[in-house]
Amino acid sequence: MEEKRNAFDEFSFAALSALGSLMACNEVCRDQRAVMKINRFRAWLMDLKPQANPEPNLPFDGEPKAQAAE
């Protein structure tokens, strides 16, 4: 099955790649504070991306999980 890609996926991939390249350059590597800021932003950006297999109905505490129909 072919995976669908949208503009958000494309732009976030490009941004994450660029952030990785920035962190690899000497100017950023020397500045620990810059590395921490980029890492925080990178984590935030990754959290925006929807999960591949999210569980739509998570049970509450104490509620049994319904078995999936086959």
Protein backbone atom coordinates (compact mmCIF):
# COMPACT_ATOMS: atom_id res chain seq x y z
CA MET A 1 0.00 0.00 0.00
CA GLU A 2 1.36 3.39 -0.98
CA GLU A 3 1.73 5.91 1.82
CA LYS A 4 -0.05 9.22 1.31
CA ARG A 5 2.06 12.34 1.87
CA ASN A 6 0.69 15.80 2.33
CA ALA A 7 2.25 19.25 2.42
CA PHE A 8 2.69 19.12 6.21
CA ASP A 9 4.67 15.88 5.96
CA GLU A 10 6.88 17.30 3.23
CA PHE A 11 7.57 20.60 5.02
CA SER A 12 8.13 19.00 8.42
CA PHE A 13 10.56 16.49 6.90
CA ALA A 14 12.45 19.34 5.23
CA ALA A 15 12.50 21.33 8.49
CA LEU A 16 13.71 18.36 10.53
CA SER A 17 16.44 17.67 7.97
CA ALA A 18 17.53 21.31 8.05
CA LEU A 19 17.60 21.34 11.86
CA GLY A 20 19.75 18.20 11.83
CA SER A 21 22.16 19.86 9.41
CA LEU A 22 22.29 23.00 11.55
CA MET A 23 23.15 20.96 14.63
CA ALA A 24 26.00 19.32 12.73
CA CYS A 25 27.71 22.61 11.81
CA ASN A 26 30.57 23.90 13.94
CA GLU A 27 28.97 27.25 14.81
CA VAL A 28 26.00 25.56 16.47
CA CYS A 29 27.98 22.72 18.05
CA ARG A 30 30.06 25.24 20.00
CA ASP A 31 26.98 26.89 21.52
CA GLN A 32 25.34 24.51 23.99
CA ARG A 33 22.40 26.86 24.46
CA ALA A 34 21.69 26.89 20.71
CA VAL A 35 21.80 23.08 20.63
CA MET A 36 19.27 22.89 23.47
CA LYS A 37 16.93 25.36 21.75
CA ILE A 38 17.10 23.51 18.45
CA ASN A 39 16.47 20.19 20.21
CA ARG A 40 13.41 21.63 21.98
CA PHE A 41 12.02 23.01 18.73
CA ARG A 42 12.76 19.74 16.93
CA ALA A 43 10.91 17.74 19.61
CA TRP A 44 7.96 20.16 19.42
CA LEU A 45 7.84 19.79 15.64
CA MET A 46 7.95 16.01 15.88
CA ASP A 47 5.08 16.08 18.40
CA LEU A 48 2.93 17.98 15.90
CA LYS A 49 3.12 15.13 13.42
CA PRO A 50 0.14 12.77 13.81
CA GLN A 51 0.99 9.25 14.87
CA ALA A 52 0.91 6.52 12.22
CA ASN A 53 -1.37 4.19 14.23
CA PRO A 54 -3.17 6.22 16.88
CA GLU A 55 -5.63 4.44 19.15
CA PRO A 56 -8.87 6.35 18.59
CA ASN A 57 -10.64 5.19 21.75
CA LEU A 58 -8.29 4.79 24.66
CA PRO A 59 -9.99 3.18 27.66
CA PHE A 60 -10.26 5.05 30.92
CA ASP A 61 -8.58 3.64 34.03
CA GLY A 62 -10.36 0.47 35.08
CA GLU A 63 -12.35 0.17 31.84
CA PRO A 64 -11.57 -3.05 29.97
CA LYS A 65 -10.41 -2.80 26.37
CA ALA A 66 -12.90 -4.01 23.78
CA GLN A 67 -11.57 -6.81 21.61
CA ALA A 68 -11.18 -5.95 17.95
CA ALA A 69 -13.52 -7.75 15.55
CA GLU A 70 -11.71 -9.87 13.00
